[in-house]
Structure formats: C-alpha cells, structure tokens
Amino acid sequence: MFQLRMHGRGGQGVVSGAEILSVAAFLEGRFAQAFPSFGSERMGAPVMAFCRIDDKEIRLREPVLTPDALIIQDPTLLHQVDLFDGVPPGGFILVNSSRTLEELGLGGLSRGERAYRVSTLAATELAMKHVGRAVPNAALLGGFAALTGVVRIDSVCTAIRRKFAHLVAEKNVAAATEAYEAALSREGVHA
C-alpha cells in the first residue's frame, strides 16, 4: 500500500488534492481513499489530508502515520511542526517552493541514514501562471506523478477534469502538465 500525507493551509486545495489523487488511482483500476484532518475550519489554518492507494481493498481508516510520501503545499510549515515524522528512509518529499533545499534548510534530508528523496517545485508560481490563483495542488500532483510514478499524469488530468468545471479544470490541467514535465526534466525541480 502506498500512503501519502499532504500538509498545507486552508484554501490551498490540500483536501481537493488528496481527493484528486485518489480518483486518479481509481481510474487506473486501483483502490484508493482520501480524507482530511483539520482543526479550525478557516482560511490559512494548517490542514492535513491523507491518501492511500493499493491494488487490494483498503480497510484502514486511521490517519497516515508512516507515509511513503509527503507533499508540503506551504513551506512556512516546514519549521513549525515535525512534518517528516514517520516518513521511512527513502520516502518521497515534495515541497512547494522555488527555493533550493539548502535555502529552505532541508539540505541534510537527502543525505544520511534516512536519505529521503526530496524535491522542490515552484507550484504556486505555476498555479498563478495557469490558474490565476495561488492554489498549488494540481501542479504538485503533476510533480508527484513524475517523481514517484505512483499514478500516471493522464489519470491525474482526468481526475482534475472530473473535479472542476471545464475552464477551471483546463487551467489546472495545464499547471499539472507543466509541473510534470518540469519534474521529469528536473528543470524547476531542485533535488
């Protein structure tokens, strides 16, 4: 089973991102679940969402404590809480930032005994370019698809189209596609 934990703030599309990822996996014939965890339901408050993907029925219903991957939509959360708690050695970490890992103070995460597979992606900039709003979830899902291979980009795009109305969907698909291509080429992604 592949487990993902997404961290961000209310209004950034964290919950929608987990839902879109679960639909993408479902479209590929797999089992998936997505659910949120948040305290005060207000714009800007810290939010977590979880997604599980497996080839067999998923019976777990508790929060993801040992994620195979993290998507961090808001880098201001990096040094406020222990976001990396439970991530096993070699786990994937994708941070929404145009800064390098060293600039973010995360350079050591890709070295040592844990040796996470850590990358940054300027997802907010891609969202502003394509969507016109600072909602980085679709771009991060495109980057996630490229970096992990857990879901295909065409499945992510179809799931986005099912979630949003046509014009909004196509703008988000453009952001996801550009992020996917950037992650594949390693341009715009700092590992």
N, C-alpha and C. Protein backbone atom coordinates (compact mmCIF):
# COMPACT_ATOMS: atom_id res chain seq x y z
N MET A 1 0.85 -1.18 0.00
CA MET A 1 0.00 0.00 0.00
C MET A 1 0.89 1.24 0.00
N PHE A 2 0.55 2.20 -0.83
CA PHE A 2 1.26 3.48 -0.89
C PHE A 2 0.44 4.49 -0.11
N GLN A 3 1.09 5.19 0.84
CA GLN A 3 0.40 6.16 1.67
C GLN A 3 1.03 7.54 1.53
N LEU A 4 0.18 8.54 1.43
CA LEU A 4 0.61 9.92 1.24
C LEU A 4 -0.02 10.80 2.30
N ARG A 5 0.77 11.76 2.77
CA ARG A 5 0.25 12.79 3.67
C ARG A 5 0.55 14.14 3.04
N MET A 6 -0.49 14.98 2.95
CA MET A 6 -0.34 16.32 2.38
C MET A 6 -0.50 17.35 3.50
N HIS A 7 0.39 18.34 3.51
CA HIS A 7 0.32 19.42 4.51
C HIS A 7 0.18 20.75 3.79
N GLY A 8 -0.64 21.60 4.32
CA GLY A 8 -0.79 22.93 3.76
C GLY A 8 -1.65 23.78 4.67
N ARG A 9 -2.25 24.79 4.10
CA ARG A 9 -3.12 25.69 4.85
C ARG A 9 -4.48 25.73 4.15
N GLY A 10 -5.49 26.03 4.95
CA GLY A 10 -6.84 26.11 4.40
C GLY A 10 -6.90 27.05 3.22
N GLY A 11 -7.53 26.63 2.15
CA GLY A 11 -7.65 27.45 0.96
C GLY A 11 -6.64 27.13 -0.12
N GLN A 12 -5.66 26.25 0.17
CA GLN A 12 -4.64 25.90 -0.82
C GLN A 12 -4.99 24.65 -1.61
N GLY A 13 -6.12 24.03 -1.30
CA GLY A 13 -6.53 22.85 -2.05
C GLY A 13 -5.93 21.54 -1.57
N VAL A 14 -5.55 21.47 -0.30
CA VAL A 14 -4.95 20.25 0.25
C VAL A 14 -5.95 19.09 0.19
N VAL A 15 -7.16 19.32 0.66
CA VAL A 15 -8.18 18.27 0.68
C VAL A 15 -8.55 17.87 -0.74
N SER A 16 -8.75 18.84 -1.61
CA SER A 16 -9.06 18.53 -3.02
C SER A 16 -7.92 17.77 -3.68
N GLY A 17 -6.69 18.11 -3.34
CA GLY A 17 -5.54 17.41 -3.92
C GLY A 17 -5.54 15.94 -3.57
N ALA A 18 -5.81 15.61 -2.31
CA ALA A 18 -5.86 14.20 -1.90
C ALA A 18 -7.01 13.48 -2.62
N GLU A 19 -8.14 14.16 -2.74
CA GLU A 19 -9.30 13.56 -3.44
C GLU A 19 -8.97 13.31 -4.92
N ILE A 20 -8.35 14.28 -5.56
CA ILE A 20 -7.99 14.13 -6.97
C ILE A 20 -7.02 12.96 -7.15
N LEU A 21 -6.05 12.84 -6.28
CA LEU A 21 -5.08 11.74 -6.36
C LEU A 21 -5.79 10.40 -6.19
N SER A 22 -6.73 10.31 -5.26
CA SER A 22 -7.44 9.04 -5.06
C SER A 22 -8.28 8.69 -6.29
N VAL A 23 -8.91 9.67 -6.92
CA VAL A 23 -9.68 9.43 -8.13
C VAL A 23 -8.75 8.98 -9.27
N ALA A 24 -7.57 9.59 -9.36
CA ALA A 24 -6.60 9.19 -10.39
C ALA A 24 -6.22 7.72 -10.22
N ALA A 25 -5.98 7.30 -9.00
CA ALA A 25 -5.65 5.89 -8.74
C ALA A 25 -6.83 4.99 -9.08
N PHE A 26 -8.03 5.42 -8.71
CA PHE A 26 -9.24 4.65 -9.01
C PHE A 26 -9.41 4.48 -10.52
N LEU A 27 -9.12 5.53 -11.27
CA LEU A 27 -9.22 5.47 -12.73
C LEU A 27 -8.25 4.44 -13.33
N GLU A 28 -7.19 4.13 -12.61
CA GLU A 28 -6.21 3.14 -13.04
C GLU A 28 -6.56 1.74 -12.56
N GLY A 29 -7.77 1.60 -11.98
CA GLY A 29 -8.22 0.29 -11.54
C GLY A 29 -7.74 -0.13 -10.17
N ARG A 30 -7.30 0.83 -9.38
CA ARG A 30 -6.78 0.53 -8.05
C ARG A 30 -7.76 1.00 -6.99
N PHE A 31 -7.53 0.57 -5.78
CA PHE A 31 -8.33 1.01 -4.64
C PHE A 31 -7.66 2.23 -4.05
N ALA A 32 -8.47 3.17 -3.57
CA ALA A 32 -7.91 4.40 -3.01
C ALA A 32 -8.88 5.01 -2.02
N GLN A 33 -8.33 5.78 -1.12
CA GLN A 33 -9.14 6.56 -0.19
C GLN A 33 -8.44 7.87 0.09
N ALA A 34 -9.23 8.89 0.38
CA ALA A 34 -8.69 10.20 0.72
C ALA A 34 -9.58 10.79 1.80
N PHE A 35 -8.95 11.45 2.76
CA PHE A 35 -9.73 12.11 3.82
C PHE A 35 -8.87 13.18 4.48
N PRO A 36 -9.52 14.21 5.02
CA PRO A 36 -8.79 15.32 5.63
C PRO A 36 -8.67 15.20 7.14
N SER A 37 -7.84 16.05 7.69
CA SER A 37 -7.73 16.24 9.13
C SER A 37 -7.41 17.70 9.35
N PHE A 38 -8.29 18.40 10.01
CA PHE A 38 -8.02 19.81 10.30
C PHE A 38 -8.72 20.21 11.58
N GLY A 39 -8.18 21.26 12.20
CA GLY A 39 -8.76 21.79 13.43
C GLY A 39 -9.77 22.85 13.09
N SER A 40 -9.40 24.09 13.30
CA SER A 40 -10.32 25.18 13.00
C SER A 40 -10.48 25.30 11.49
N GLU A 41 -11.72 25.29 11.05
CA GLU A 41 -12.00 25.33 9.62
C GLU A 41 -12.02 26.76 9.12
N ARG A 42 -10.84 27.30 8.90
CA ARG A 42 -10.76 28.67 8.40
C ARG A 42 -9.60 28.78 7.42
N MET A 43 -9.71 29.79 6.59
CA MET A 43 -8.67 30.05 5.60
C MET A 43 -7.34 30.30 6.31
N GLY A 44 -6.31 29.64 5.86
CA GLY A 44 -4.97 29.86 6.41
C GLY A 44 -4.59 28.95 7.56
N ALA A 45 -5.53 28.22 8.14
CA ALA A 45 -5.20 27.31 9.25
C ALA A 45 -4.50 26.07 8.70
N PRO A 46 -3.59 25.47 9.46
CA PRO A 46 -2.92 24.25 8.99
C PRO A 46 -3.94 23.14 8.72
N VAL A 47 -3.72 22.44 7.62
CA VAL A 47 -4.60 21.36 7.18
C VAL A 47 -3.73 20.18 6.75
N MET A 48 -4.21 18.98 7.06
CA MET A 48 -3.57 17.76 6.55
C MET A 48 -4.63 16.96 5.81
N ALA A 49 -4.20 16.27 4.79
CA ALA A 49 -5.08 15.33 4.10
C ALA A 49 -4.26 14.08 3.81
N PHE A 50 -4.95 12.97 3.72
CA PHE A 50 -4.29 11.69 3.56
C PHE A 50 -4.84 10.98 2.32
N CYS A 51 -3.99 10.17 1.72
CA CYS A 51 -4.42 9.36 0.59
C CYS A 51 -3.70 8.01 0.67
N ARG A 52 -4.47 6.96 0.45
CA ARG A 52 -3.91 5.61 0.38
C ARG A 52 -4.28 5.03 -0.98
N ILE A 53 -3.32 4.29 -1.56
CA ILE A 53 -3.53 3.65 -2.86
C ILE A 53 -3.01 2.22 -2.74
N ASP A 54 -3.83 1.27 -3.20
CA ASP A 54 -3.41 -0.13 -3.13
C ASP A 54 -4.07 -0.92 -4.26
N ASP A 55 -3.57 -2.11 -4.50
CA ASP A 55 -4.15 -2.99 -5.51
C ASP A 55 -5.24 -3.88 -4.92
N LYS A 56 -5.42 -3.80 -3.62
CA LYS A 56 -6.49 -4.55 -2.96
C LYS A 56 -7.29 -3.60 -2.06
N GLU A 57 -8.42 -4.08 -1.59
CA GLU A 57 -9.30 -3.26 -0.78
C GLU A 57 -8.56 -2.70 0.44
N ILE A 58 -8.83 -1.44 0.75
CA ILE A 58 -8.18 -0.77 1.88
C ILE A 58 -9.17 -0.73 3.04
N ARG A 59 -8.78 -1.32 4.15
CA ARG A 59 -9.66 -1.38 5.31
C ARG A 59 -9.26 -0.40 6.41
N LEU A 60 -8.06 0.12 6.34
CA LEU A 60 -7.61 1.10 7.33
C LEU A 60 -8.45 2.37 7.25
N ARG A 61 -8.69 3.00 8.39
CA ARG A 61 -9.45 4.24 8.41
C ARG A 61 -8.79 5.32 9.27
N GLU A 62 -7.62 5.02 9.79
CA GLU A 62 -6.95 6.00 10.65
C GLU A 62 -6.03 6.90 9.83
N PRO A 63 -5.60 8.01 10.42
CA PRO A 63 -4.67 8.91 9.72
C PRO A 63 -3.38 8.17 9.32
N VAL A 64 -2.73 8.67 8.29
CA VAL A 64 -1.48 8.08 7.81
C VAL A 64 -0.34 8.55 8.72
N LEU A 65 0.21 7.60 9.48
CA LEU A 65 1.29 7.92 10.41
C LEU A 65 2.66 7.63 9.82
N THR A 66 2.74 6.71 8.87
CA THR A 66 4.02 6.37 8.23
C THR A 66 3.87 6.51 6.71
N PRO A 67 3.85 7.75 6.23
CA PRO A 67 3.65 7.98 4.79
C PRO A 67 4.86 7.60 3.96
N ASP A 68 4.58 7.07 2.78
CA ASP A 68 5.64 6.81 1.82
C ASP A 68 6.06 8.11 1.13
N ALA A 69 5.16 9.10 1.19
CA ALA A 69 5.43 10.39 0.55
C ALA A 69 4.73 11.51 1.29
N LEU A 70 5.34 12.67 1.23
CA LEU A 70 4.75 13.91 1.75
C LEU A 70 4.67 14.91 0.60
N ILE A 71 3.58 15.64 0.56
CA ILE A 71 3.50 16.82 -0.29
C ILE A 71 3.27 17.98 0.66
N ILE A 72 4.19 18.93 0.63
CA ILE A 72 4.11 20.10 1.53
C ILE A 72 3.76 21.29 0.66
N GLN A 73 2.49 21.71 0.75
CA GLN A 73 1.99 22.79 -0.09
C GLN A 73 2.39 24.17 0.40
N ASP A 74 2.69 24.30 1.68
CA ASP A 74 3.05 25.60 2.23
C ASP A 74 4.37 25.48 2.98
N PRO A 75 5.46 26.01 2.42
CA PRO A 75 6.77 25.86 3.05
C PRO A 75 6.89 26.60 4.39
N THR A 76 5.95 27.49 4.73
CA THR A 76 6.02 28.15 6.05
C THR A 76 5.77 27.14 7.17
N LEU A 77 5.25 25.98 6.85
CA LEU A 77 5.01 24.94 7.86
C LEU A 77 6.26 24.11 8.15
N LEU A 78 7.29 24.25 7.32
CA LEU A 78 8.47 23.39 7.42
C LEU A 78 9.10 23.35 8.80
N HIS A 79 9.23 24.47 9.44
CA HIS A 79 9.95 24.51 10.71
C HIS A 79 9.02 24.78 11.89
N GLN A 80 7.71 24.66 11.68
CA GLN A 80 6.75 24.87 12.76
C GLN A 80 6.36 23.56 13.45
N VAL A 81 6.23 22.51 12.68
CA VAL A 81 5.88 21.19 13.22
C VAL A 81 6.77 20.16 12.57
N ASP A 82 6.83 18.96 13.15
CA ASP A 82 7.67 17.91 12.57
C ASP A 82 6.91 17.22 11.45
N LEU A 83 6.95 17.81 10.27
CA LEU A 83 6.25 17.27 9.12
C LEU A 83 6.80 15.91 8.69
N PHE A 84 8.05 15.66 8.97
CA PHE A 84 8.74 14.48 8.46
C PHE A 84 8.58 13.27 9.38
N ASP A 85 7.86 13.42 10.47
CA ASP A 85 7.64 12.34 11.42
C ASP A 85 6.99 11.15 10.73
N GLY A 86 7.59 9.99 10.88
CA GLY A 86 7.03 8.76 10.33
C GLY A 86 7.43 8.42 8.91
N VAL A 87 8.08 9.34 8.20
CA VAL A 87 8.48 9.05 6.82
C VAL A 87 9.67 8.09 6.86
N PRO A 88 9.55 6.93 6.21
CA PRO A 88 10.64 5.95 6.26
C PRO A 88 11.82 6.38 5.38
N PRO A 89 12.98 5.77 5.59
CA PRO A 89 14.13 6.05 4.73
C PRO A 89 13.75 5.85 3.26
N GLY A 90 14.20 6.78 2.43
CA GLY A 90 13.91 6.71 1.00
C GLY A 90 12.55 7.24 0.61
N GLY A 91 11.78 7.75 1.58
CA GLY A 91 10.46 8.30 1.28
C GLY A 91 10.55 9.54 0.40
N PHE A 92 9.48 9.80 -0.34
CA PHE A 92 9.41 10.96 -1.22
C PHE A 92 8.90 12.17 -0.46
N ILE A 93 9.53 13.31 -0.69
CA ILE A 93 9.08 14.57 -0.11
C ILE A 93 9.11 15.61 -1.22
N LEU A 94 7.95 16.21 -1.48
CA LEU A 94 7.84 17.25 -2.50
C LEU A 94 7.37 18.52 -1.81
N VAL A 95 8.20 19.58 -1.91
CA VAL A 95 7.93 20.84 -1.24
C VAL A 95 7.60 21.91 -2.29
N ASN A 96 6.52 22.62 -2.06
CA ASN A 96 6.13 23.72 -2.93
C ASN A 96 7.03 24.92 -2.63
N SER A 97 8.03 25.12 -3.45
CA SER A 97 8.94 26.25 -3.27
C SER A 97 9.80 26.43 -4.51
N SER A 98 10.14 27.68 -4.79
CA SER A 98 11.09 27.96 -5.87
C SER A 98 12.52 28.00 -5.32
N ARG A 99 12.65 27.86 -4.00
CA ARG A 99 13.97 27.87 -3.37
C ARG A 99 14.58 26.46 -3.39
N THR A 100 15.89 26.40 -3.24
CA THR A 100 16.58 25.11 -3.19
C THR A 100 16.42 24.50 -1.80
N LEU A 101 16.75 23.23 -1.69
CA LEU A 101 16.69 22.56 -0.39
C LEU A 101 17.61 23.24 0.62
N GLU A 102 18.79 23.63 0.18
CA GLU A 102 19.73 24.31 1.07
C GLU A 102 19.14 25.63 1.58
N GLU A 103 18.53 26.39 0.68
CA GLU A 103 17.92 27.66 1.07
C GLU A 103 16.78 27.46 2.06
N LEU A 104 16.10 26.35 1.96
CA LEU A 104 15.00 26.04 2.87
C LEU A 104 15.47 25.41 4.18
N GLY A 105 16.76 25.13 4.28
CA GLY A 105 17.29 24.49 5.48
C GLY A 105 17.01 22.99 5.49
N LEU A 106 16.82 22.39 4.32
CA LEU A 106 16.48 20.97 4.22
C LEU A 106 17.55 20.15 3.52
N GLY A 107 18.71 20.73 3.31
CA GLY A 107 19.76 20.05 2.56
C GLY A 107 20.16 18.70 3.14
N GLY A 108 20.11 18.55 4.44
CA GLY A 108 20.51 17.31 5.07
C GLY A 108 19.51 16.17 4.93
N LEU A 109 18.30 16.47 4.51
CA LEU A 109 17.27 15.43 4.41
C LEU A 109 17.56 14.38 3.34
N SER A 110 18.31 14.76 2.33
CA SER A 110 18.59 13.81 1.25
C SER A 110 19.89 13.04 1.49
N ARG A 111 20.50 13.28 2.63
CA ARG A 111 21.75 12.58 2.97
C ARG A 111 21.57 11.86 4.31
N GLY A 112 22.52 11.05 4.68
CA GLY A 112 22.47 10.36 5.96
C GLY A 112 21.68 9.07 5.88
N GLU A 113 21.32 8.55 7.05
CA GLU A 113 20.68 7.24 7.08
C GLU A 113 19.25 7.24 6.55
N ARG A 114 18.56 8.38 6.60
CA ARG A 114 17.19 8.43 6.07
C ARG A 114 17.19 8.63 4.56
N ALA A 115 18.04 9.48 4.05
CA ALA A 115 18.18 9.75 2.61
C ALA A 115 16.83 9.83 1.89
N TYR A 116 16.02 10.76 2.34
CA TYR A 116 14.74 10.99 1.67
C TYR A 116 14.97 11.42 0.22
N ARG A 117 14.02 11.16 -0.62
CA ARG A 117 14.04 11.65 -1.99
C ARG A 117 13.25 12.96 -1.99
N VAL A 118 13.98 14.06 -1.78
CA VAL A 118 13.38 15.37 -1.56
C VAL A 118 13.55 16.25 -2.79
N SER A 119 12.46 16.90 -3.17
CA SER A 119 12.48 17.82 -4.30
C SER A 119 11.63 19.04 -3.98
N THR A 120 11.97 20.14 -4.63
CA THR A 120 11.11 21.31 -4.56
C THR A 120 10.55 21.58 -5.95
N LEU A 121 9.40 22.20 -5.96
CA LEU A 121 8.72 22.53 -7.21
C LEU A 121 8.01 23.86 -7.00
N ALA A 122 8.20 24.79 -7.89
CA ALA A 122 7.57 26.12 -7.78
C ALA A 122 6.10 26.04 -8.19
N ALA A 123 5.31 25.30 -7.43
CA ALA A 123 3.92 25.02 -7.78
C ALA A 123 3.02 26.26 -7.68
N THR A 124 3.27 27.12 -6.71
CA THR A 124 2.45 28.32 -6.59
C THR A 124 2.64 29.21 -7.82
N GLU A 125 3.87 29.32 -8.29
CA GLU A 125 4.14 30.11 -9.48
C GLU A 125 3.42 29.52 -10.70
N LEU A 126 3.42 28.20 -10.81
CA LEU A 126 2.71 27.55 -11.92
C LEU A 126 1.20 27.76 -11.80
N ALA A 127 0.69 27.70 -10.59
CA ALA A 127 -0.74 27.95 -10.37
C ALA A 127 -1.11 29.38 -10.74
N MET A 128 -0.29 30.33 -10.35
CA MET A 128 -0.56 31.74 -10.70
C MET A 128 -0.51 31.92 -12.22
N LYS A 129 0.44 31.29 -12.87
CA LYS A 129 0.59 31.40 -14.32
C LYS A 129 -0.63 30.83 -15.06
N HIS A 130 -1.08 29.66 -14.64
CA HIS A 130 -2.14 28.97 -15.38
C HIS A 130 -3.55 29.20 -14.84
N VAL A 131 -3.67 29.23 -13.50
CA VAL A 131 -4.99 29.31 -12.87
C VAL A 131 -5.34 30.74 -12.46
N GLY A 132 -4.30 31.53 -12.18
CA GLY A 132 -4.53 32.90 -11.74
C GLY A 132 -4.78 33.01 -10.25
N ARG A 133 -4.59 31.93 -9.53
CA ARG A 133 -4.76 31.90 -8.07
C ARG A 133 -3.64 31.07 -7.45
N ALA A 134 -3.31 31.36 -6.21
CA ALA A 134 -2.24 30.64 -5.50
C ALA A 134 -2.78 29.34 -4.90
N VAL A 135 -3.23 28.45 -5.76
CA VAL A 135 -3.73 27.14 -5.33
C VAL A 135 -2.85 26.09 -6.02
N PRO A 136 -1.80 25.62 -5.32
CA PRO A 136 -0.76 24.80 -5.94
C PRO A 136 -1.05 23.31 -6.05
N ASN A 137 -2.23 22.86 -5.64
CA ASN A 137 -2.44 21.41 -5.55
C ASN A 137 -2.30 20.68 -6.89
N ALA A 138 -2.89 21.17 -7.95
CA ALA A 138 -2.81 20.48 -9.25
C ALA A 138 -1.37 20.39 -9.74
N ALA A 139 -0.62 21.47 -9.63
CA ALA A 139 0.78 21.45 -10.05
C ALA A 139 1.58 20.44 -9.23
N LEU A 140 1.33 20.41 -7.93
CA LEU A 140 2.05 19.46 -7.08
C LEU A 140 1.69 18.02 -7.42
N LEU A 141 0.44 17.76 -7.80
CA LEU A 141 0.06 16.41 -8.20
C LEU A 141 0.76 16.01 -9.50
N GLY A 142 0.93 16.96 -10.41
CA GLY A 142 1.70 16.68 -11.62
C GLY A 142 3.14 16.34 -11.29
N GLY A 143 3.75 17.13 -10.42
CA GLY A 143 5.12 16.84 -9.99
C GLY A 143 5.23 15.51 -9.27
N PHE A 144 4.24 15.23 -8.42
CA PHE A 144 4.20 13.96 -7.69
C PHE A 144 4.14 12.78 -8.66
N ALA A 145 3.30 12.88 -9.67
CA ALA A 145 3.19 11.80 -10.66
C ALA A 145 4.53 11.55 -11.35
N ALA A 146 5.24 12.60 -11.69
CA ALA A 146 6.53 12.45 -12.36
C ALA A 146 7.59 11.87 -11.43
N LEU A 147 7.63 12.35 -10.21
CA LEU A 147 8.70 11.95 -9.29
C LEU A 147 8.53 10.55 -8.74
N THR A 148 7.27 10.11 -8.55
CA THR A 148 7.04 8.82 -7.90
C THR A 148 6.61 7.71 -8.85
N GLY A 149 5.91 8.06 -9.92
CA GLY A 149 5.37 7.04 -10.81
C GLY A 149 4.19 6.28 -10.20
N VAL A 150 3.66 6.74 -9.09
CA VAL A 150 2.55 6.06 -8.41
C VAL A 150 1.27 6.14 -9.23
N VAL A 151 1.04 7.27 -9.89
CA VAL A 151 -0.09 7.44 -10.81
C VAL A 151 0.44 8.08 -12.09
N ARG A 152 -0.32 7.90 -13.16
CA ARG A 152 0.06 8.49 -14.44
C ARG A 152 -0.50 9.90 -14.56
N ILE A 153 0.18 10.75 -15.30
CA ILE A 153 -0.26 12.13 -15.47
C ILE A 153 -1.62 12.19 -16.19
N ASP A 154 -1.88 11.29 -17.12
CA ASP A 154 -3.17 11.32 -17.79
C ASP A 154 -4.31 11.00 -16.82
N SER A 155 -4.06 10.16 -15.83
CA SER A 155 -5.07 9.87 -14.81
C SER A 155 -5.28 11.08 -13.92
N VAL A 156 -4.20 11.77 -13.56
CA VAL A 156 -4.31 13.00 -12.76
C VAL A 156 -5.14 14.03 -13.53
N CYS A 157 -4.86 14.20 -14.81
CA CYS A 157 -5.59 15.18 -15.62
C CYS A 157 -7.07 14.83 -15.74
N THR A 158 -7.37 13.55 -15.92
CA THR A 158 -8.77 13.13 -15.99
C THR A 158 -9.48 13.39 -14.66
N ALA A 159 -8.80 13.10 -13.56
CA ALA A 159 -9.39 13.34 -12.23
C ALA A 159 -9.64 14.83 -12.00
N ILE A 160 -8.72 15.67 -12.46
CA ILE A 160 -8.90 17.13 -12.35
C ILE A 160 -10.13 17.55 -13.15
N ARG A 161 -10.27 17.01 -14.33
CA ARG A 161 -11.42 17.36 -15.18
C ARG A 161 -12.74 16.91 -14.55
N ARG A 162 -12.71 15.83 -13.79
CA ARG A 162 -13.93 15.37 -13.11
C ARG A 162 -14.25 16.23 -11.89
N LYS A 163 -13.24 16.83 -11.31
CA LYS A 163 -13.43 17.62 -10.08
C LYS A 163 -13.94 19.03 -10.38
N PHE A 164 -13.44 19.65 -11.44
CA PHE A 164 -13.72 21.06 -11.69
C PHE A 164 -14.50 21.28 -12.98
N ALA A 165 -15.14 22.43 -13.05
CA ALA A 165 -15.83 22.85 -14.28
C ALA A 165 -14.79 23.01 -15.39
N HIS A 166 -15.23 22.97 -16.63
CA HIS A 166 -14.35 22.91 -17.80
C HIS A 166 -13.21 23.93 -17.78
N LEU A 167 -13.50 25.21 -17.69
CA LEU A 167 -12.45 26.23 -17.79
C LEU A 167 -11.45 26.11 -16.64
N VAL A 168 -11.95 25.96 -15.42
CA VAL A 168 -11.07 25.81 -14.25
C VAL A 168 -10.26 24.52 -14.38
N ALA A 169 -10.92 23.46 -14.84
CA ALA A 169 -10.22 22.18 -14.99
C ALA A 169 -9.06 22.30 -15.97
N GLU A 170 -9.30 22.91 -17.12
CA GLU A 170 -8.24 23.01 -18.13
C GLU A 170 -7.06 23.85 -17.66
N LYS A 171 -7.33 24.88 -16.89
CA LYS A 171 -6.25 25.68 -16.32
C LYS A 171 -5.41 24.85 -15.34
N ASN A 172 -6.09 24.05 -14.52
CA ASN A 172 -5.38 23.19 -13.57
C ASN A 172 -4.64 22.07 -14.27
N VAL A 173 -5.21 21.54 -15.35
CA VAL A 173 -4.53 20.52 -16.14
C VAL A 173 -3.24 21.10 -16.74
N ALA A 174 -3.31 22.33 -17.21
CA ALA A 174 -2.10 22.98 -17.76
C ALA A 174 -1.02 23.11 -16.69
N ALA A 175 -1.41 23.50 -15.47
CA ALA A 175 -0.44 23.62 -14.37
C ALA A 175 0.15 22.26 -14.03
N ALA A 176 -0.70 21.23 -13.94
CA ALA A 176 -0.23 19.89 -13.61
C ALA A 176 0.71 19.35 -14.69
N THR A 177 0.36 19.58 -15.94
CA THR A 177 1.16 19.08 -17.05
C THR A 177 2.53 19.76 -17.10
N GLU A 178 2.55 21.08 -16.91
CA GLU A 178 3.84 21.77 -16.91
C GLU A 178 4.70 21.32 -15.74
N ALA A 179 4.08 21.12 -14.58
CA ALA A 179 4.83 20.64 -13.40
C ALA A 179 5.38 19.24 -13.65
N TYR A 180 4.58 18.39 -14.27
CA TYR A 180 5.01 17.04 -14.60
C TYR A 180 6.23 17.07 -15.52
N GLU A 181 6.16 17.87 -16.56
CA GLU A 181 7.27 17.98 -17.50
C GLU A 181 8.52 18.57 -16.84
N ALA A 182 8.31 19.55 -15.96
CA ALA A 182 9.45 20.14 -15.25
C ALA A 182 10.11 19.12 -14.33
N ALA A 183 9.29 18.34 -13.66
CA ALA A 183 9.84 17.33 -12.75
C ALA A 183 10.58 16.24 -13.52
N LEU A 184 10.05 15.85 -14.66
CA LEU A 184 10.74 14.84 -15.47
C LEU A 184 12.08 15.35 -15.98
N SER A 185 12.11 16.60 -16.37
CA SER A 185 13.34 17.15 -16.92
C SER A 185 14.27 17.68 -15.84
N ARG A 186 13.76 17.73 -14.63
CA ARG A 186 14.49 18.24 -13.46
C ARG A 186 14.70 19.75 -13.54
N GLU A 187 14.13 20.41 -14.56
CA GLU A 187 14.16 21.86 -14.61
C GLU A 187 13.04 22.35 -13.70
N GLY A 188 13.34 23.30 -12.86
CA GLY A 188 12.31 23.80 -11.96
C GLY A 188 12.15 22.92 -10.73
N VAL A 189 12.86 21.80 -10.68
CA VAL A 189 12.81 20.93 -9.53
C VAL A 189 14.23 20.86 -8.95
N HIS A 190 14.34 21.14 -7.70
CA HIS A 190 15.66 21.12 -7.05
C HIS A 190 15.72 19.92 -6.12
N ALA A 191 16.57 18.97 -6.43
CA ALA A 191 16.69 17.78 -5.58
C ALA A 191 17.97 17.85 -4.79
